[in-house]
Protein backbone atom coordinates (compact mmCIF):
# COMPACT_ATOMS: atom_id res chain seq x y z
CA MET A 1 90.45 103.69 79.38
CA LYS A 2 87.79 101.37 77.76
CA ILE A 3 89.30 98.43 75.93
CA LEU A 4 87.69 95.98 73.23
CA PRO A 5 89.64 92.75 73.43
CA ILE A 6 89.65 90.88 70.08
CA PHE A 7 91.20 87.26 70.67
CA ILE A 8 93.30 85.80 67.97
CA PRO A 9 94.20 82.46 69.74
CA HIS A 10 97.71 81.16 69.19
CA LEU A 11 97.72 82.91 65.70
CA GLY A 12 101.37 83.82 64.61
CA CYS A 13 103.17 81.79 67.43
CA PRO A 14 105.30 79.00 66.25
CA PHE A 15 105.88 77.71 69.74
CA ASN A 16 103.96 75.55 72.05
CA CYS A 17 105.47 76.62 75.46
CA VAL A 18 105.08 74.19 78.38
CA TYR A 19 102.18 76.00 79.98
CA CYS A 20 100.16 77.02 76.96
CA ASP A 21 96.81 76.14 75.58
CA GLN A 22 95.55 79.31 73.98
CA HIS A 23 92.32 77.91 72.83
CA LEU A 24 91.22 77.07 76.34
CA ILE A 25 92.28 80.41 77.71
CA THR A 26 90.66 82.54 75.25
CA LYS A 27 87.52 80.15 74.24
CA THR A 28 87.79 81.40 70.78
CA ILE A 29 89.25 79.42 67.86
CA HIS A 30 88.07 80.93 64.46
CA ILE A 31 88.41 84.40 63.42
CA ASN A 32 85.28 86.06 61.49
CA PRO A 33 86.20 89.44 59.97
CA LYS A 34 82.50 90.39 59.45
CA GLU A 35 81.97 89.63 63.12
CA ILE A 36 85.05 91.49 64.38
CA ALA A 37 83.98 94.51 62.21
CA LYS A 38 80.47 94.36 63.87
CA ARG A 39 82.02 94.26 67.39
CA ILE A 40 84.15 97.21 66.82
CA GLU A 41 81.12 99.28 65.39
CA TYR A 42 79.13 98.40 68.46
CA PHE A 43 81.92 99.19 70.81
CA CYS A 44 82.50 102.50 69.26
CA ARG A 45 78.89 103.44 69.17
CA LYS A 46 78.20 102.27 72.74
CA ASN A 47 81.27 104.24 74.06
CA ALA A 48 80.89 107.42 71.76
CA ALA A 49 81.22 109.68 74.72
CA LEU A 50 84.44 108.11 76.03
CA LYS A 51 87.67 109.93 74.63
CA ASP A 52 89.99 107.18 75.73
CA LYS A 53 89.19 103.82 74.07
CA GLU A 54 91.28 101.08 72.33
CA ILE A 55 90.94 98.14 70.08
CA ALA A 56 93.07 95.26 71.52
CA PHE A 57 94.31 92.19 69.40
CA PHE A 58 95.04 89.66 72.12
CA GLY A 59 95.86 85.97 72.65
CA GLY A 60 98.36 85.55 69.66
CA THR A 61 101.78 86.57 68.47
CA PHE A 62 100.51 89.48 66.30
CA THR A 63 103.80 90.53 64.89
CA ASN A 64 104.52 87.01 63.51
CA LEU A 65 101.34 86.88 61.67
CA PRO A 66 101.86 87.10 57.79
CA ILE A 67 102.06 90.68 56.66
CA LYS A 68 98.85 90.05 54.68
CA LYS A 69 97.02 88.85 57.84
CA GLN A 70 98.22 91.87 60.19
CA THR A 71 97.07 94.22 57.18
CA GLU A 72 93.66 92.54 57.16
CA LEU A 73 93.17 93.00 60.84
CA PHE A 74 94.51 96.48 60.82
CA ASP A 75 92.10 97.38 57.96
CA LEU A 76 89.16 96.21 60.09
CA THR A 77 89.97 99.15 62.47
CA LYS A 78 90.49 101.68 59.77
CA PRO A 79 86.84 102.85 59.56
CA PHE A 80 86.92 103.68 63.27
CA LEU A 81 90.36 105.22 63.81
CA SER A 82 88.79 108.65 64.27
CA GLN A 83 86.69 107.22 67.11
CA ILE A 84 89.45 105.54 69.17
CA SER A 85 92.76 106.63 70.88
CA GLY A 86 94.68 103.68 69.43
CA ILE A 87 95.29 100.13 68.97
CA ARG A 88 97.11 97.58 71.36
CA ILE A 89 98.71 94.20 70.42
CA SER A 90 100.06 91.31 72.31
CA THR A 91 103.18 89.45 70.86
CA ARG A 92 106.45 87.66 71.75
CA PRO A 93 109.61 89.68 72.30
CA ASP A 94 111.46 87.38 69.67
CA PHE A 95 109.31 88.86 66.93
CA ILE A 96 110.11 92.56 67.53
CA ASP A 97 112.43 94.67 65.14
CA ASP A 98 112.38 98.11 63.50
CA ASN A 99 110.42 96.90 60.55
CA VAL A 100 107.73 95.37 62.80
CA LEU A 101 107.40 98.46 64.81
CA LYS A 102 107.38 100.83 61.56
CA LEU A 103 104.17 98.80 60.31
CA CYS A 104 102.63 99.06 63.90
CA LYS A 105 103.26 102.84 63.96
CA GLU A 106 101.85 103.18 60.39
CA ASN A 107 98.48 101.41 61.66
CA MET A 108 98.05 103.53 64.83
CA VAL A 109 99.32 100.97 67.35
CA LYS A 110 99.90 102.88 70.61
CA VAL A 111 100.53 99.95 73.06
CA ILE A 112 102.46 96.78 72.85
CA GLU A 113 102.22 94.00 75.39
CA LEU A 114 104.94 91.35 75.56
CA GLY A 115 104.55 87.95 77.07
CA ILE A 116 108.00 88.00 78.64
CA GLN A 117 107.13 85.61 81.63
CA SER A 118 110.54 85.69 83.24
CA PHE A 119 113.77 87.35 82.71
CA SER A 120 115.45 84.32 84.06
CA ASP A 121 117.27 82.29 81.47
CA ASP A 122 116.93 79.17 83.46
CA VAL A 123 113.20 79.60 83.68
CA LEU A 124 112.91 80.68 79.91
CA THR A 125 114.84 77.47 78.85
CA ALA A 126 112.82 75.18 81.01
CA SER A 127 109.56 76.56 79.86
CA LYS A 128 110.67 76.14 76.27
CA ARG A 129 110.06 79.83 75.50
CA GLY A 130 112.49 79.76 72.54
CA TYR A 131 114.31 82.98 73.47
CA ASN A 132 116.70 84.23 76.27
CA SER A 133 116.57 87.27 78.62
CA LYS A 134 118.96 89.29 76.34
CA THR A 135 116.26 89.14 73.50
CA ALA A 136 113.48 89.93 75.96
CA ILE A 137 115.37 92.96 77.28
CA SER A 138 116.29 94.18 73.66
CA ALA A 139 112.66 93.98 72.68
CA CYS A 140 111.41 96.01 75.60
CA ASP A 141 114.11 98.70 74.93
CA LEU A 142 113.27 98.86 71.20
CA ILE A 143 109.61 99.30 71.89
CA LYS A 144 110.27 102.14 74.24
CA LYS A 145 112.76 103.66 71.76
CA HIS A 146 110.02 103.86 69.12
CA ASN A 147 107.78 105.60 71.74
CA PHE A 148 105.19 102.83 72.12
CA LYS A 149 103.66 102.23 75.58
CA LEU A 150 105.10 99.12 76.70
CA GLY A 151 103.30 96.22 78.84
CA ILE A 152 105.08 93.20 80.25
CA GLN A 153 103.29 89.87 81.21
CA LEU A 154 105.21 87.92 84.09
CA MET A 155 104.26 84.32 85.19
CA PRO A 156 106.00 83.26 88.45
CA GLY A 157 105.78 79.55 89.29
CA LEU A 158 106.93 78.26 85.85
CA PRO A 159 109.59 75.33 85.75
CA ASP A 160 112.82 76.21 87.43
CA PHE A 161 111.32 79.01 89.27
CA SER A 162 113.23 80.27 92.49
CA GLU A 163 113.64 83.04 94.66
CA LYS A 164 116.64 84.16 92.80
CA SER A 165 114.82 84.03 89.35
CA ILE A 166 111.92 86.17 90.83
CA LYS A 167 114.40 88.83 92.03
CA GLU A 168 116.15 88.81 88.78
CA THR A 169 112.96 89.26 87.01
CA VAL A 170 111.65 92.08 89.36
CA LYS A 171 115.10 93.82 89.19
CA THR A 172 115.04 93.79 85.28
CA THR A 173 111.42 94.87 85.02
CA ILE A 174 112.21 97.89 87.28
CA ARG A 175 115.26 98.85 85.13
CA ILE A 176 113.13 98.64 82.07
CA GLN A 177 110.31 100.72 83.55
CA PRO A 178 107.35 99.53 81.48
CA ASP A 179 104.26 101.30 81.42
CA PHE A 180 102.47 98.56 83.00
CA VAL A 181 102.54 94.85 83.95
CA ARG A 182 100.32 91.98 84.18
CA ILE A 183 101.13 89.04 86.72
CA TYR A 184 99.61 85.63 86.19
CA PRO A 185 100.86 82.84 88.44
CA ALA A 186 101.55 79.75 86.40
CA ILE A 187 98.59 77.30 86.18
CA VAL A 188 98.43 73.79 85.07
CA LEU A 189 95.94 73.50 82.08
CA LYS A 190 94.78 70.46 80.22
CA GLU A 191 96.45 69.43 77.11
CA THR A 192 99.74 71.16 77.98
CA VAL A 193 103.33 69.92 78.68
CA LEU A 194 102.98 71.06 82.12
CA GLU A 195 99.95 68.69 82.64
CA LYS A 196 102.12 65.98 81.50
CA TRP A 197 104.95 66.76 83.83
CA TYR A 198 102.58 67.40 86.70
CA LYS A 199 101.06 63.88 86.21
CA GLU A 200 104.69 62.48 85.94
CA GLN A 201 105.66 64.44 89.33
CA LYS A 202 108.29 66.38 87.33
CA PHE A 203 106.60 69.63 88.11
CA LEU A 204 104.86 71.00 91.25
CA PRO A 205 102.78 74.27 90.97
CA LEU A 206 102.80 76.85 93.51
CA THR A 207 100.20 76.66 96.27
CA ILE A 208 97.69 79.54 96.36
CA GLU A 209 99.31 80.64 99.81
CA LYS A 210 102.85 80.65 98.10
CA ALA A 211 101.67 82.41 94.99
CA VAL A 212 99.98 85.23 97.06
CA GLU A 213 103.13 85.59 99.09
CA ILE A 214 105.38 85.78 95.98
CA VAL A 215 103.11 88.12 94.10
CA SER A 216 102.56 90.43 96.99
CA GLU A 217 106.35 90.89 97.23
CA MET A 218 106.47 91.53 93.41
CA LYS A 219 103.60 94.24 93.88
CA LEU A 220 105.28 95.99 96.79
CA GLU A 221 108.61 96.31 94.64
CA PHE A 222 106.64 97.45 91.60
CA ASP A 223 104.59 99.98 93.71
CA LYS A 224 107.77 101.45 95.05
CA SER A 225 109.13 102.09 91.48
CA ASN A 226 105.74 103.43 90.24
CA ILE A 227 105.05 100.58 87.79
CA LYS A 228 101.59 100.23 87.45
CA ILE A 229 99.97 96.71 87.75
CA ILE A 230 96.73 96.26 85.53
CA LYS A 231 95.96 92.72 86.17
CA ILE A 232 96.84 90.00 88.93
CA GLY A 233 95.72 86.44 88.22
CA LEU A 234 93.78 84.94 85.28
CA HIS A 235 90.37 86.36 84.34
CA SER A 236 87.49 84.81 86.14
CA ASP A 237 85.88 83.46 82.86
CA ILE A 238 88.46 80.94 82.17
CA ASP A 239 86.88 77.36 81.97
CA LEU A 240 87.40 75.91 85.36
CA ASN A 241 87.25 72.35 83.79
CA SER A 242 90.47 73.30 81.90
CA ILE A 243 92.45 73.79 85.19
CA VAL A 244 94.22 70.81 86.50
CA ALA A 245 96.32 72.40 89.28
CA GLY A 246 97.89 75.30 90.50
CA PRO A 247 97.15 78.70 92.21
CA TYR A 248 93.93 79.54 90.52
CA HIS A 249 91.41 81.96 92.26
CA SER A 250 88.65 83.90 90.75
CA ALA A 251 89.64 86.99 92.94
CA PHE A 252 93.54 86.29 93.25
CA GLY A 253 94.10 89.97 93.02
CA GLU A 254 91.96 90.62 96.10
CA LEU A 255 93.85 87.96 98.11
CA VAL A 256 97.15 89.67 97.27
CA ASN A 257 95.82 93.06 98.27
CA SER A 258 94.31 91.68 101.45
CA ASN A 259 97.67 89.80 102.24
CA ILE A 260 99.66 93.18 101.87
CA LEU A 261 97.12 95.12 103.94
CA SER A 262 97.05 92.56 106.80
CA LYS A 263 100.90 92.45 107.03
CA LYS A 264 100.87 96.40 107.08
CA ILE A 265 98.35 96.30 109.93
CA ILE A 266 100.36 93.71 111.93
CA LYS A 267 103.62 95.55 111.33
CA GLU A 268 102.19 98.93 112.57
CA TYR A 269 100.06 97.50 115.54
CA LYS A 270 100.16 99.42 118.73
CA LYS A 271 98.73 97.96 121.90
CA SER A 272 95.42 99.71 123.27
CA SER A 273 95.04 101.47 120.03
CA THR A 274 92.13 101.69 117.54
CA LEU A 275 92.77 100.65 113.80
CA ILE A 276 91.68 103.52 111.46
CA ILE A 277 91.14 102.24 107.98
CA SER A 278 89.76 103.58 104.62
CA SER A 279 86.21 102.82 103.73
CA LYS A 280 87.58 101.61 100.49
CA ASP A 281 89.42 98.78 102.22
CA VAL A 282 86.43 97.35 104.08
CA SER A 283 85.80 94.66 101.61
CA LEU A 284 89.38 93.59 101.70
CA PHE A 285 89.14 93.60 105.51
CA LYS A 286 86.13 91.59 105.90
CA GLY A 287 86.14 89.67 102.70
CA PHE A 288 86.71 85.94 101.99
CA ASP A 289 84.73 84.50 104.86
CA SER A 290 86.35 87.05 107.07
CA ARG A 291 89.52 85.13 106.94
CA MET A 292 91.72 88.19 107.06
CA LEU A 293 89.82 89.43 110.15
CA SER A 294 90.52 86.07 111.93
CA LYS A 295 94.16 85.99 110.88
CA LEU A 296 94.57 89.48 112.37
CA LYS A 297 92.89 88.41 115.67
CA GLU A 298 95.22 85.40 115.99
CA LYS A 299 98.44 87.46 115.15
CA LEU A 300 97.42 90.41 117.51
CA LYS A 301 95.92 88.19 120.23
CA LEU A 302 92.90 90.09 120.27
CA ASP A 303 89.36 88.87 120.74
CA LYS A 304 87.88 91.93 118.69
CA ILE A 305 89.70 94.63 116.70
CA PRO A 306 88.71 98.23 117.63
CA ILE A 307 87.82 100.17 114.42
CA ILE A 308 87.27 103.52 112.83
CA ILE A 309 86.06 103.75 109.27
CA ASN A 310 87.46 106.83 107.50
CA SER A 311 85.87 107.77 104.08
CA ASN A 312 88.38 110.40 103.58
CA LEU A 313 91.43 108.15 103.85
CA ALA A 314 93.23 106.79 100.84
CA GLN A 315 92.98 103.16 99.96
CA ASN A 316 95.76 100.95 101.54
CA ASN A 317 96.40 103.42 104.22
CA ILE A 318 95.93 102.58 107.93
CA TYR A 319 96.78 103.93 111.20
CA TRP A 320 96.77 102.75 114.97
CA ARG A 321 95.66 105.66 117.11
CA LYS A 322 94.86 106.11 121.01
CA VAL A 323 91.20 107.20 120.26
CA SER A 324 87.69 105.63 120.95
CA PRO A 325 86.66 103.07 118.34
CA GLU A 326 83.40 103.43 116.35
CA LYS A 327 82.99 99.57 116.37
CA PHE A 328 84.50 96.31 117.16
CA TRP A 329 85.12 93.48 114.54
C-alpha cells in the first residue's frame, strides 16, 4: 500500500489537548488547494502501476471541518478516484456519527483513523481530551458497523498514565479489533500544556527505557490478537528543536523490536548451544552500537555468542541448538 499524506494541521479541532502542537508535528500551516491537486496528480502518475494506493488527510479533525471544507477537500480527489483504491482520514472519536460516516462513504473514504490515545477515563480527563472512554468505544464500533477500516492511535505516557490504564487500554483495543494501531509514546513539545507542567515539575515523561518496555508489552499483546501495528514512535522528520523532553528516538520501533527479540533469546537460552537467528534480524541483533549484543553477553554470562544465520528462518524466530556455530559475536 502506497499512501500520499496530506496534512491539514489542527483544522477542525476545537480542543488544545495538553500534548498537542499540531503545527510543529506536521511542519505545515497553510492549505493550498492547487498545490494539493498537483501533489495528487504527481502521486498517481508516479505510482500508476500500483493497484493499492490511497490519499490520506492527516493532522486534523477532518470530520469536524465545515461540510463545505470537507467537500472542497474531497473534490480535489475526484479527478483521481479511478486511479486510487480509496481515501483515508484522521479524526477524533467525538466527531463520528451516522451522518458523518454517510458523507465519508459517498466520497470513497475507506479508512478512518481515530486519535484515541487511551481508553482510560482518568488519562483522557487529565489530558483534556474532551471525551470519555464510552464515546471512544462507541465511535470505534460505529465505524466498524459502517464497514470502514478502523485505525486507532494510542499514546502511552500521558498524565495519570499507569500500569492499570495501559492494561485497560490494551484490553479494550483487543476487544474492538481495529484493523491496525499506531503507538506514539507521549513527548513533551514546545508551546504545549505538557511543557508548562514539565517545567513546573507537575508532569514527568517516560524515559526511553521505560517507554520501550511498555510498548514492547503492548506489541506482544497485540501480536497475540493479530492486531497489526503500522507505526511505533513519532516520525523521524519531526523538528528536534521542538522536543523538550520525553522518550523520542529516531528508530524507536527498532528499539522495541530489539528489546522483544533479546528477551526471547534470553528466555530460550540453553547452555552449550548455538543461537540460530534469521538473516532478517541481524540488523536488530547488531544494531545501536551493538548494545543488544552487549546486553545478551552480560545476561547469559558469555564472552562471545555462537551464531548461525539462517536466511530461510522467519523474522523474530530464534532457536538454541547443539550444533557447531558458523561464527562468534
